[in-house]
Protein backbone atom coordinates (compact mmCIF):
# COMPACT_ATOMS: atom_id res chain seq x y z
CA MET A 1 100.39 199.70 135.82
CA PRO A 2 100.25 201.64 139.14
CA LYS A 3 102.40 199.41 141.05
CA LYS A 4 100.37 197.82 144.81
CA PRO A 5 101.48 199.53 147.40
CA ALA A 6 103.70 197.05 149.18
CA LEU A 7 102.33 195.44 152.34
CA SER A 8 102.80 196.75 155.69
CA VAL A 9 105.38 194.65 157.70
CA SER A 10 105.33 194.79 162.26
CA THR A 11 107.76 196.90 163.71
CA VAL A 12 106.52 195.00 166.79
CA PRO A 13 109.51 193.47 169.40
CA LEU A 14 108.53 189.24 169.12
CA SER A 15 107.66 188.56 172.50
CA VAL A 16 104.58 191.19 171.42
CA ALA A 17 103.66 188.88 168.19
CA VAL A 18 103.97 185.50 170.56
CA ARG A 19 101.55 186.66 172.59
CA SER A 20 98.81 187.64 170.01
CA TRP A 21 100.26 183.57 168.78
CA LYS A 22 99.15 181.96 171.55
CA LEU A 23 95.73 183.10 171.25
CA SER A 24 95.32 182.08 168.45
CA LEU A 25 96.57 178.85 169.41
CA GLN A 26 94.02 178.95 171.65
CA ALA A 27 91.15 180.24 169.71
CA ARG A 28 92.13 176.26 167.99
CA ASN A 29 91.41 174.26 170.57
CA LEU A 30 94.78 172.77 170.27
CA SER A 31 95.90 170.48 173.49
CA ALA A 32 97.40 172.80 176.67
CA ARG A 33 100.77 170.60 176.33
CA THR A 34 100.92 171.06 172.38
CA ILE A 35 100.81 175.13 173.24
CA GLU A 36 102.49 175.06 175.51
CA GLN A 37 105.53 173.36 173.69
CA TYR A 38 105.05 176.02 171.27
CA VAL A 39 105.01 179.21 173.36
CA GLU A 40 108.07 177.61 174.68
CA SER A 41 109.70 177.32 171.92
CA LEU A 42 108.83 180.33 170.90
CA GLY A 43 110.57 182.01 174.01
CA LEU A 44 113.47 180.70 173.62
CA PHE A 45 113.65 182.11 170.10
CA VAL A 46 112.75 185.71 171.53
CA SER A 47 115.90 185.49 174.19
CA PHE A 48 118.19 184.16 171.74
CA THR A 49 117.70 187.25 169.01
CA ASN A 50 117.18 189.28 172.28
CA ASP A 51 113.53 190.05 171.22
CA LYS A 52 114.51 191.62 167.88
CA ASP A 53 111.49 193.06 166.30
CA LEU A 54 109.33 190.41 164.84
CA ALA A 55 110.35 192.45 160.87
CA ALA A 56 113.74 192.33 161.69
CA VAL A 57 114.07 188.42 161.81
CA THR A 58 116.15 186.69 159.41
CA THR A 59 116.66 183.82 158.11
CA GLN A 60 119.73 183.19 159.36
CA ASP A 61 118.34 184.16 162.51
CA VAL A 62 116.64 180.95 162.45
CA GLN A 63 119.20 178.55 161.18
CA SER A 64 121.21 180.01 164.47
CA PHE A 65 118.98 179.12 166.45
CA LEU A 66 118.03 175.30 165.92
CA ALA A 67 121.86 174.53 165.28
CA ASP A 68 122.28 176.23 168.59
CA GLN A 69 119.55 173.97 170.25
CA LEU A 70 121.16 170.76 168.00
CA GLY A 71 124.02 170.94 170.07
CA ARG A 72 121.87 171.24 173.28
CA LEU A 73 118.78 168.20 172.35
CA LYS A 74 117.86 165.89 170.80
CA PRO A 75 117.12 166.18 167.02
CA SER A 76 113.38 164.86 167.85
CA SER A 77 113.36 168.33 170.45
CA VAL A 78 114.73 170.58 168.27
CA LEU A 79 112.34 169.25 165.11
CA THR A 80 109.29 170.34 167.95
CA ARG A 81 111.05 173.88 168.37
CA TYR A 82 111.19 174.34 163.97
CA LYS A 83 107.86 173.60 164.39
CA GLY A 84 106.69 176.14 166.45
CA LEU A 85 108.85 178.51 164.43
CA ARG A 86 107.36 177.79 161.39
CA LEU A 87 103.33 177.73 162.63
CA PHE A 88 104.61 181.07 164.17
CA PHE A 89 106.00 182.66 161.24
CA GLY A 90 103.45 181.48 158.54
CA TRP A 91 100.48 182.90 161.15
CA ALA A 92 102.80 185.84 161.26
CA VAL A 93 102.91 186.14 156.92
CA ASP A 94 98.16 185.33 157.07
CA GLU A 95 98.02 188.15 159.59
CA GLU A 96 99.77 190.16 157.43
CA GLU A 97 102.29 191.21 159.83
CA LEU A 98 105.05 190.40 157.91
CA GLU A 99 105.46 190.04 153.77
CA ALA A 100 106.82 186.33 153.84
CA SER A 101 108.19 183.91 156.44
CA PRO A 102 111.97 183.99 157.01
CA MET A 103 111.56 180.10 157.55
CA THR A 104 110.59 179.26 153.52
CA LYS A 105 114.34 177.37 153.22
CA VAL A 106 114.57 176.49 156.25
CA ARG A 107 114.68 172.31 156.23
CA PRO A 108 113.54 170.77 158.71
CA PRO A 109 116.41 169.20 161.43
CA ILE A 110 116.70 165.17 160.16
CA VAL A 111 115.28 162.51 163.45
CA PRO A 112 117.56 159.43 163.36
CA GLU A 113 114.58 156.27 163.27
CA GLN A 114 114.88 154.91 166.45
CA PRO A 115 113.34 152.03 167.23
CA VAL A 116 110.42 152.87 169.94
CA PRO A 117 111.33 150.69 173.40
CA VAL A 118 108.46 148.77 174.86
CA LEU A 119 107.87 146.45 178.65
CA LEU A 120 108.44 142.70 178.90
CA ASP A 121 105.99 140.44 180.34
CA CYS A 122 108.71 139.74 183.36
CA ASN A 123 108.49 143.76 183.48
CA VAL A 124 104.64 144.69 184.02
CA ARG A 125 104.67 141.56 186.07
CA THR A 126 107.30 143.08 188.14
CA LEU A 127 105.37 146.73 188.50
CA LEU A 128 102.09 145.08 189.27
CA LYS A 129 103.12 143.11 191.78
CA ALA A 130 104.41 146.27 193.23
CA CYS A 131 101.36 147.60 193.60
CA ALA A 132 99.64 144.48 195.00
CA GLY A 133 98.78 146.28 198.22
CA LYS A 134 95.06 146.74 199.62
CA ASP A 135 95.79 150.70 201.21
CA PHE A 136 94.58 153.06 199.51
CA GLU A 137 97.61 154.40 197.38
CA SER A 138 98.10 150.22 196.13
CA ARG A 139 94.76 149.80 194.88
CA ARG A 140 95.01 153.01 192.66
CA ASN A 141 98.65 153.32 191.57
CA LEU A 142 97.53 149.12 190.59
CA ALA A 143 94.33 149.96 188.81
CA ILE A 144 96.34 153.03 186.95
CA LEU A 145 98.82 150.81 185.89
CA SER A 146 96.14 148.10 185.18
CA VAL A 147 95.07 151.51 182.45
CA LEU A 148 97.20 152.52 181.19
CA PHE A 149 98.66 148.83 180.12
CA ASP A 150 95.56 147.38 179.30
CA THR A 151 94.29 150.45 176.91
CA GLY A 152 98.01 153.28 175.77
CA ILE A 153 95.86 156.15 176.29
CA ARG A 154 97.68 159.01 177.49
CA ARG A 155 99.25 160.76 180.82
CA ALA A 156 97.22 163.46 180.60
CA GLU A 157 93.99 161.44 179.26
CA CYS A 158 94.31 159.29 181.87
CA ALA A 159 94.40 162.22 184.35
CA SER A 160 91.80 163.96 183.39
CA LEU A 161 89.28 160.29 183.77
CA THR A 162 86.29 161.15 185.78
CA VAL A 163 83.72 158.23 187.67
CA ASP A 164 81.14 158.77 185.08
CA ASP A 165 84.13 158.13 181.38
CA LEU A 166 83.94 154.58 183.29
CA ASP A 167 81.54 151.80 182.43
CA LEU A 168 82.61 148.69 184.70
CA GLU A 169 79.92 146.52 183.41
CA ARG A 170 80.56 147.18 179.08
CA ARG A 171 84.24 146.97 180.26
CA CYS A 172 85.35 150.17 178.18
CA LEU A 173 86.95 153.91 179.40
CA ARG A 174 85.58 157.14 177.78
CA VAL A 175 89.13 159.27 177.01
CA LEU A 176 88.30 163.11 175.99
CA GLY A 177 91.52 163.05 173.78
CA LYS A 178 93.70 165.87 171.59
CA GLY A 179 91.41 168.35 170.22
CA ARG A 180 88.59 167.48 172.83
CA SER A 181 87.85 164.79 170.86
CA VAL A 182 86.47 162.04 172.23
CA ARG A 183 87.15 158.33 172.04
CA LEU A 184 85.53 155.11 173.68
CA VAL A 185 88.29 152.82 175.03
CA PRO A 186 88.04 149.02 175.58
CA PHE A 187 89.96 147.40 179.03
CA GLY A 188 89.87 143.44 179.90
CA ALA A 189 88.93 142.09 183.20
CA GLN A 190 91.66 142.05 185.62
CA THR A 191 91.63 146.21 184.54
CA ALA A 192 88.12 145.39 186.14
CA LYS A 193 88.79 143.84 188.55
CA ALA A 194 91.70 146.18 189.24
CA LEU A 195 89.01 149.24 188.76
CA ASP A 196 86.48 147.82 191.01
CA ARG A 197 88.53 147.23 194.08
CA TRP A 198 90.04 151.11 193.71
CA LEU A 199 86.24 152.91 193.35
CA ARG A 200 85.58 150.52 196.66
CA VAL A 201 88.37 151.98 198.35
CA ARG A 202 88.11 155.74 196.75
CA GLY A 203 84.65 155.98 198.27
CA ASN A 204 82.59 159.38 197.80
CA ALA A 205 84.57 161.78 196.90
CA ASN A 206 84.12 166.05 196.38
CA THR A 207 85.51 166.08 193.66
CA ASP A 208 84.27 163.12 190.57
CA ALA A 209 87.68 162.75 189.15
CA LEU A 210 88.38 159.16 189.26
CA TRP A 211 92.00 159.10 190.70
CA LEU A 212 92.12 160.63 194.13
CA SER A 213 95.64 162.28 195.41
CA ALA A 214 96.79 160.25 199.52
CA ARG A 215 93.78 160.12 201.86
CA GLY A 216 91.54 161.68 199.45
CA ARG A 217 93.23 165.29 199.15
CA GLY A 218 91.69 165.90 195.44
CA PRO A 219 91.90 165.12 191.74
CA LEU A 220 95.50 163.30 191.25
CA THR A 221 96.87 165.40 188.56
CA SER A 222 99.16 164.36 185.35
CA ASN A 223 102.04 165.21 186.84
CA ALA A 224 101.37 163.12 190.27
CA ILE A 225 100.90 160.30 188.32
CA ARG A 226 104.45 161.04 186.49
CA LEU A 227 106.21 161.11 189.99
CA MET A 228 104.93 157.78 190.68
CA LEU A 229 105.70 156.12 188.25
CA ASP A 230 109.25 157.27 188.83
CA ARG A 231 109.13 156.12 191.76
CA LEU A 232 107.78 152.57 191.09
CA SER A 233 110.98 152.97 188.32
CA ARG A 234 113.73 153.36 191.09
CA GLU A 235 112.08 151.04 193.76
CA THR A 236 111.63 147.67 190.99
CA GLY A 237 114.51 148.54 188.66
CA VAL A 238 112.30 148.77 185.91
CA GLU A 239 112.76 152.01 183.31
CA LEU A 240 109.69 153.35 183.63
CA HIS A 241 107.81 156.23 181.73
CA ALA A 242 103.84 156.82 181.02
CA HIS A 243 105.15 156.49 176.91
CA LEU A 244 106.40 153.66 177.63
CA PHE A 245 102.53 152.11 178.24
CA ARG A 246 101.57 153.44 175.72
CA HIS A 247 104.58 152.04 173.15
CA THR A 248 104.11 148.68 174.63
CA PHE A 249 99.84 148.92 174.00
CA ALA A 250 100.51 149.50 169.87
CA HIS A 251 103.34 146.36 169.43
CA ASN A 252 100.78 144.16 171.38
CA HIS A 253 97.47 145.01 169.05
CA LEU A 254 99.48 144.71 166.00
CA ASN A 255 101.84 141.61 167.27
CA ASN A 256 98.08 140.51 168.90
CA GLY A 257 97.44 140.45 164.30
CA GLY A 258 95.30 143.85 165.03
CA ASN A 259 93.79 145.44 162.91
CA GLU A 260 96.32 148.72 162.19
CA GLY A 261 92.92 151.46 161.78
CA ASP A 262 91.75 150.04 164.70
CA LEU A 263 94.94 151.18 167.04
CA MET A 264 94.70 154.53 165.08
CA MET A 265 91.20 154.62 166.42
CA LEU A 266 91.83 153.28 169.80
CA ALA A 267 94.97 155.14 170.16
CA GLY A 268 93.25 158.44 169.19
CA TRP A 269 96.19 159.37 166.42
CA LYS A 270 94.32 161.10 163.40
CA SER A 271 97.88 159.99 160.87
CA ARG A 272 99.32 157.82 160.47
CA GLN A 273 102.22 159.53 160.91
CA MET A 274 102.89 157.72 164.62
CA LEU A 275 101.46 154.43 163.57
CA ASN A 276 104.25 154.37 160.46
CA ARG A 277 106.72 155.33 164.01
CA TYR A 278 104.96 152.93 166.77
CA ALA A 279 104.57 149.78 163.75
CA SER A 280 108.48 149.54 162.37
CA SER A 281 110.28 149.84 166.16
CA THR A 282 109.18 146.17 166.24
CA ALA A 283 108.29 145.12 162.47
CA ALA A 284 111.75 142.37 162.90
CA GLU A 285 110.12 141.13 166.17
CA ARG A 286 106.76 140.96 164.51
CA ALA A 287 107.96 139.58 161.35
CA ARG A 288 110.20 137.19 163.56
CA ASN A 289 106.91 135.53 165.31
CA ALA A 290 104.42 135.41 162.08
CA TYR A 291 107.82 133.35 160.54
CA ARG A 292 106.58 129.97 159.05
CA SER A 293 109.95 127.46 157.90
CA PRO A 294 109.33 127.27 154.74
CA LEU A 295 110.81 123.08 155.06
CA ASP A 296 108.87 122.12 157.81
CA MET A 297 106.19 122.84 156.09
CA LEU A 298 106.93 120.43 153.29
């Protein structure tokens, strides 16, 4: 029986293949942030290997790169590098640019379980108090903090909100999440009050973006929200970043007896991986809160 002809392999440089791979990621409707992280990982790998030909990359190249990254970054960040490489070489095999992936026998880095930090009630009160003014930025910042704390949405999701996404009467937000998925997220009376005050200060604008930059010059970007939170952190002494609100929201939901399935829907998680991470980090505290002495109940 005649042998099957060998599969032709690519002789193009890694950098050229990465450009084609990026197009495939965009076609999959992945979030811009996810694509950015994966492409950044491959860019570092390209530099590390001096832009080898795709077919010349070996398992040792991958292992050496990951070891180098572990000497510079946290294991969780290196895991992102690993995922990007695995996805890239899997694509190269699917495209028949490679016969086999050099990552077939490369195991992901072990990421130690780390407790997810949450904001204390006193921290939240301090932050809200710091934005208690009546001026344009104070009203805007208080509304943003209220939304982040009350809904747990991501910073980028918050930045992309439009006026039409807000329903004050029903107290809910229409949020565009990862993968362009849309979900409705409720909020409470205090957040509704902060949003209503902000809308009155915001007035009419030439954009439908919910959040405006200083003096209403244009939409407030995700990076601008990060800078605002950094400034608040310095002014109040409260360690702060946008994801900390997300951690706190998940903890409060579960601590108050909320359903895990409901939390997945509200947070925009499609798998239980993130839910398990958030739930396990504060499980001990919830267990203490739920504890009832058997002797006292006799």
